[in-house]
Amino acid sequence: MIDPDRLRRVRNELPMAVLIAALGRDGPPSKIRDGRFIFLCPHCGEMDAAVNPRNNLGHCFACAKNLNTIDLVMRLGYDFVTAVAVLEGLLERHCSRRPKGGTTLPAR
């Protein structure tokens, strides 16, 4: 069984935008539209999935599906345990690059 704290960290502390950037060509196309980070929904193929920065949850406004970082990596063909391991590695790299005491997103 995977520790619930590990799951919470990979779902919530690795920003979806950072994950998608790290996935490169394997990840969905993304852009900033009207000040919001959006990406191509892996469920319906519409460029209408946005990320809520408060909970790091993606929501597609076209098909009404939600997805988190684990769901997105699993859509690439990874099983659950491997997806969590991939995300942990990305989170570790992301945290090591952030300035101490800093936030992942600039203040508004």
Protein backbone atom coordinates (compact mmCIF):
# COMPACT_ATOMS: atom_id res chain seq x y z
CA MET A 1 0.00 0.00 0.00
CA ILE A 2 1.23 3.49 -0.84
CA ASP A 3 1.42 5.93 2.05
CA PRO A 4 -1.46 8.48 1.89
CA ASP A 5 1.00 11.34 2.51
CA ARG A 6 3.00 10.30 -0.58
CA LEU A 7 -0.18 10.39 -2.65
CA ARG A 8 -1.19 13.79 -1.29
CA ARG A 9 2.26 15.21 -2.08
CA VAL A 10 2.39 14.02 -5.70
CA ARG A 11 -1.20 15.14 -6.31
CA ASN A 12 -0.97 18.54 -4.65
CA GLU A 13 2.64 19.74 -4.43
CA LEU A 14 3.78 19.14 -8.01
CA PRO A 15 2.01 21.84 -10.02
CA MET A 16 0.15 20.47 -13.04
CA ALA A 17 1.93 23.03 -15.25
CA VAL A 18 5.32 21.78 -14.05
CA LEU A 19 4.29 18.18 -14.74
CA ILE A 20 3.07 18.97 -18.24
CA ALA A 21 6.26 20.90 -19.02
CA ALA A 22 8.38 18.00 -17.71
CA LEU A 23 6.47 15.53 -19.91
CA GLY A 24 7.45 17.51 -22.99
CA ARG A 25 6.14 15.92 -26.19
CA ASP A 26 4.56 13.08 -24.22
CA GLY A 27 2.32 15.52 -22.35
CA PRO A 28 -0.72 17.36 -23.62
CA PRO A 29 -0.32 20.68 -25.45
CA SER A 30 -0.86 23.59 -23.09
CA LYS A 31 -0.93 27.38 -23.01
CA ILE A 32 -1.96 30.38 -20.96
CA ARG A 33 -5.38 31.73 -21.99
CA ASP A 34 -6.94 34.71 -20.23
CA GLY A 35 -4.39 34.34 -17.43
CA ARG A 36 -5.24 30.67 -16.77
CA PHE A 37 -3.14 27.61 -17.52
CA ILE A 38 -5.09 25.33 -19.85
CA PHE A 39 -4.25 22.09 -21.61
CA LEU A 40 -5.67 19.57 -24.06
CA CYS A 41 -8.07 17.25 -22.26
CA PRO A 42 -6.87 13.65 -22.58
CA HIS A 43 -10.48 12.45 -22.33
CA CYS A 44 -12.24 14.46 -25.06
CA GLY A 45 -9.38 16.14 -26.96
CA GLU A 46 -10.65 19.70 -26.46
CA MET A 47 -8.30 22.50 -25.41
CA ASP A 48 -10.61 23.32 -22.54
CA ALA A 49 -9.04 21.75 -19.43
CA ALA A 50 -8.00 24.31 -16.81
CA VAL A 51 -6.17 23.89 -13.52
CA ASN A 52 -7.49 25.23 -10.26
CA PRO A 53 -4.33 26.56 -8.56
CA ARG A 54 -5.86 26.09 -5.09
CA ASN A 55 -6.18 22.32 -5.38
CA ASN A 56 -4.02 21.52 -8.46
CA LEU A 57 -6.97 19.71 -10.03
CA GLY A 58 -7.56 19.86 -13.76
CA HIS A 59 -11.15 20.19 -14.96
CA CYS A 60 -12.31 19.99 -18.56
CA PHE A 61 -15.15 22.37 -19.27
CA ALA A 62 -16.02 20.51 -22.48
CA CYS A 63 -16.57 16.99 -21.07
CA ALA A 64 -16.76 17.84 -17.32
CA LYS A 65 -14.04 15.32 -16.37
CA ASN A 66 -11.59 16.03 -13.54
CA LEU A 67 -8.03 14.78 -13.37
CA ASN A 68 -5.05 15.11 -11.08
CA THR A 69 -1.35 14.57 -11.72
CA ILE A 70 -1.60 10.82 -11.12
CA ASP A 71 -4.49 10.50 -13.59
CA LEU A 72 -2.54 12.43 -16.22
CA VAL A 73 0.56 10.22 -15.95
CA MET A 74 -1.60 7.08 -16.00
CA ARG A 75 -3.19 8.31 -19.26
CA LEU A 76 0.32 7.95 -20.76
CA GLY A 77 0.16 4.20 -20.10
CA TYR A 78 1.83 3.90 -16.70
CA ASP A 79 0.27 1.77 -13.98
CA PHE A 80 -0.66 3.46 -10.68
CA VAL A 81 2.47 2.52 -8.70
CA THR A 82 4.82 3.54 -11.52
CA ALA A 83 2.94 6.81 -12.05
CA VAL A 84 3.39 7.68 -8.37
CA ALA A 85 7.12 6.87 -8.59
CA VAL A 86 7.53 9.05 -11.72
CA LEU A 87 5.74 11.91 -9.99
CA GLU A 88 7.86 11.57 -6.86
CA GLY A 89 11.00 11.93 -8.96
CA LEU A 90 9.63 15.03 -10.69
CA LEU A 91 8.50 16.50 -7.37
CA GLU A 92 11.95 15.95 -5.86
CA ARG A 93 13.58 17.72 -8.82
CA HIS A 94 11.02 20.52 -8.69
CA CYS A 95 11.52 21.09 -4.95
CA SER A 96 15.30 21.07 -5.25
CA ARG A 97 15.15 23.86 -7.85
CA ARG A 98 12.81 26.14 -5.91
CA PRO A 99 14.30 28.83 -3.70
CA LYS A 100 13.91 27.99 -0.02
CA GLY A 101 10.78 29.55 1.43
CA GLY A 102 9.50 30.37 -2.06
CA THR A 103 6.23 29.46 -3.65
CA THR A 104 5.65 27.59 -6.87
CA LEU A 105 3.57 30.37 -8.40
CA PRO A 106 4.25 34.10 -8.45
CA ALA A 107 2.03 36.21 -6.17
CA ARG A 108 -0.84 38.00 -7.82
